[in-house]
Protein backbone atom coordinates (compact mmCIF):
# COMPACT_ATOMS: atom_id res chain seq x y z
CA MET A 1 106.36 133.10 69.31
CA GLU A 2 109.24 134.75 71.08
CA ALA A 3 112.55 132.58 72.41
CA TRP A 4 113.30 133.53 76.11
CA ALA A 5 116.87 133.72 76.01
CA THR A 6 118.12 136.10 78.62
CA ASP A 7 117.07 136.30 82.50
CA ASP A 8 114.84 139.31 81.85
CA LEU A 9 112.98 137.60 79.42
CA LEU A 10 112.54 134.75 81.48
CA ALA A 11 111.34 136.70 84.33
CA SER A 12 108.92 138.72 81.91
CA ALA A 13 107.44 135.27 80.84
CA VAL A 14 106.84 134.30 84.63
CA ARG A 15 104.92 137.57 85.30
CA ARG A 16 102.97 137.14 82.16
CA PHE A 17 101.80 133.66 83.08
CA ALA A 18 101.28 134.28 86.73
CA ASP A 19 98.99 137.51 85.83
CA GLY A 20 97.23 134.98 83.83
CA ILE A 21 96.33 133.02 87.19
CA PRO A 22 94.45 135.18 89.48
CA GLY A 23 95.19 134.67 92.98
CA TYR A 24 98.68 132.71 92.03
CA VAL A 25 100.93 131.54 94.72
CA MET A 26 104.09 130.17 93.98
CA PRO A 27 104.35 126.43 95.32
CA VAL A 28 107.16 125.72 97.39
CA ALA A 29 107.57 122.41 95.65
CA TYR A 30 106.21 120.72 92.77
CA GLY A 31 106.70 117.69 90.29
CA VAL A 32 105.49 115.74 87.69
CA ALA A 33 104.58 111.99 87.55
CA ARG A 34 103.60 109.17 84.85
CA VAL A 35 101.94 106.40 86.12
CA ASP A 36 102.20 103.05 84.15
CA GLY A 37 99.70 100.51 86.04
CA ASP A 38 101.50 100.01 89.30
CA GLY A 39 104.59 101.57 87.94
CA VAL A 40 105.39 105.30 88.68
CA THR A 41 108.15 107.32 86.93
CA LEU A 42 108.80 111.07 88.42
CA GLY A 43 110.23 113.66 86.43
CA HIS A 44 112.47 116.39 87.78
CA VAL A 45 111.12 116.97 91.73
CA ASN A 46 111.35 120.58 92.51
CA GLY A 47 111.88 120.25 96.32
CA LEU A 48 112.21 122.84 98.84
CA GLY A 49 114.46 125.71 97.97
CA ARG A 50 114.87 124.21 94.38
CA VAL A 51 111.57 125.60 92.78
CA ARG A 52 112.36 126.85 89.35
CA ARG A 53 109.70 129.79 88.96
CA LEU A 54 108.99 129.55 85.34
CA PRO A 55 108.10 125.88 84.79
CA ALA A 56 105.90 126.01 88.11
CA VAL A 57 104.01 128.85 86.81
CA VAL A 58 103.66 127.06 82.96
CA LEU A 59 102.56 123.93 84.52
CA ALA A 60 100.12 125.75 86.73
CA SER A 61 98.62 127.74 83.99
CA VAL A 62 97.43 124.05 82.28
CA CYS A 63 96.66 121.86 85.23
CA GLY A 64 94.76 124.75 87.65
CA TYR A 65 96.89 124.89 90.46
CA VAL A 66 96.05 128.49 91.81
CA ASP A 67 97.17 128.43 95.52
CA SER A 68 96.34 125.28 97.53
CA SER A 69 98.58 122.05 97.62
CA GLY A 70 97.06 119.44 95.35
CA ASN A 71 97.37 116.43 92.86
CA PHE A 72 96.25 117.49 89.54
CA ALA A 73 95.75 115.02 86.65
CA LEU A 74 97.12 115.81 83.25
CA THR A 75 96.08 114.25 80.08
CA ARG A 76 98.57 113.62 77.61
CA GLU A 77 97.76 116.67 75.40
CA GLN A 78 97.90 118.84 78.63
CA LEU A 79 101.42 117.93 79.22
CA GLU A 80 102.32 118.48 75.76
CA ASP A 81 101.02 121.59 75.85
CA VAL A 82 103.25 122.66 78.93
CA VAL A 83 106.22 121.03 76.94
CA VAL A 84 105.57 123.30 74.22
CA ARG A 85 104.82 126.38 76.00
CA LEU A 86 107.86 125.98 78.48
CA SER A 87 110.69 125.03 75.29
CA LEU A 88 110.70 128.64 74.58
CA ALA A 89 113.27 128.58 77.38
CA GLU A 90 115.45 126.52 75.99
CA ALA A 91 116.83 129.36 73.83
CA ALA A 92 118.44 130.55 77.81
CA ARG A 93 121.39 128.17 77.20
CA HIS A 94 123.24 129.32 80.28
CA MET A 95 121.05 127.58 82.35
CA PRO A 96 119.73 123.60 82.57
CA HIS A 97 116.09 122.95 81.86
CA PRO A 98 115.64 119.79 84.15
CA ASN A 99 111.86 120.11 84.09
CA LEU A 100 111.20 120.52 80.59
CA TRP A 101 113.71 117.52 79.79
CA THR A 102 112.06 115.07 82.24
CA TRP A 103 108.82 116.16 81.32
CA ARG A 104 109.38 115.41 77.65
CA THR A 105 110.76 111.93 78.57
CA LEU A 106 107.89 111.37 80.54
CA LEU A 107 105.71 111.70 77.50
CA THR A 108 108.32 109.83 74.81
CA ASP A 109 108.31 106.83 76.86
CA ALA A 110 104.41 106.70 77.80
CA ASP A 111 102.18 103.98 76.78
CA THR A 112 98.55 104.64 75.84
CA GLY A 113 97.31 103.51 79.17
CA SER A 114 99.99 106.09 80.75
CA THR A 115 98.46 108.67 82.93
CA PHE A 116 100.15 112.00 84.34
CA HIS A 117 99.89 114.06 87.63
CA ALA A 118 101.32 117.27 88.71
CA TYR A 119 101.55 117.46 92.61
CA PHE A 120 102.14 120.92 94.01
CA LEU A 121 102.86 122.09 97.87
CA ALA A 122 101.79 125.62 98.75
CA ASP A 123 103.21 125.20 101.84
CA ALA A 124 105.67 123.32 103.28
CA SER A 125 103.76 121.83 106.00
CA ASP A 126 101.46 120.39 103.52
CA ARG A 127 101.38 116.65 102.50
CA ILE A 128 98.95 115.30 99.42
CA ASP A 129 98.92 111.79 98.33
CA GLY A 130 101.84 111.46 95.64
CA PRO A 131 102.79 108.88 93.19
CA GLY A 132 103.16 105.17 94.41
CA GLY A 133 101.21 105.76 97.56
CA LYS A 134 104.01 107.91 99.17
CA GLU A 135 103.10 111.48 100.24
CA PHE A 136 104.42 114.06 97.67
CA GLY A 137 105.83 116.25 101.02
CA GLU A 138 108.01 113.33 101.95
CA GLN A 139 109.49 113.21 97.95
CA ALA A 140 110.05 117.19 97.64
CA LEU A 141 111.80 116.89 101.42
CA ALA A 142 114.06 114.49 100.26
């Protein structure tokens, strides 16, 4: 597998993943959460104006997001797949990778009964049920 060490290689990876999702629309915000009973742990939240394109499209390619806001359940195996795919971006040492780092932590700290959810906002005015009963739109705007 190739490592994505440069901005050009990262942009090319974004295009390849997006081309694999017919009708894909880059979300305006997204995030991943782990639910453990009544507890919710959020990974890095990519709020309005802070969307990282590559993690968004890699996550979308696994969870099924295309162009509509929603809460997408993820199995542990699916989130692990996202982390493996996205790990190629770590070769780009000139930038941080908060999504990858926090998603790894969500997996590492998970219990056997933990569940995972990806949240995508396609439009800034949308609101969806998010972790802990809060609307994800509120968290993305914070």
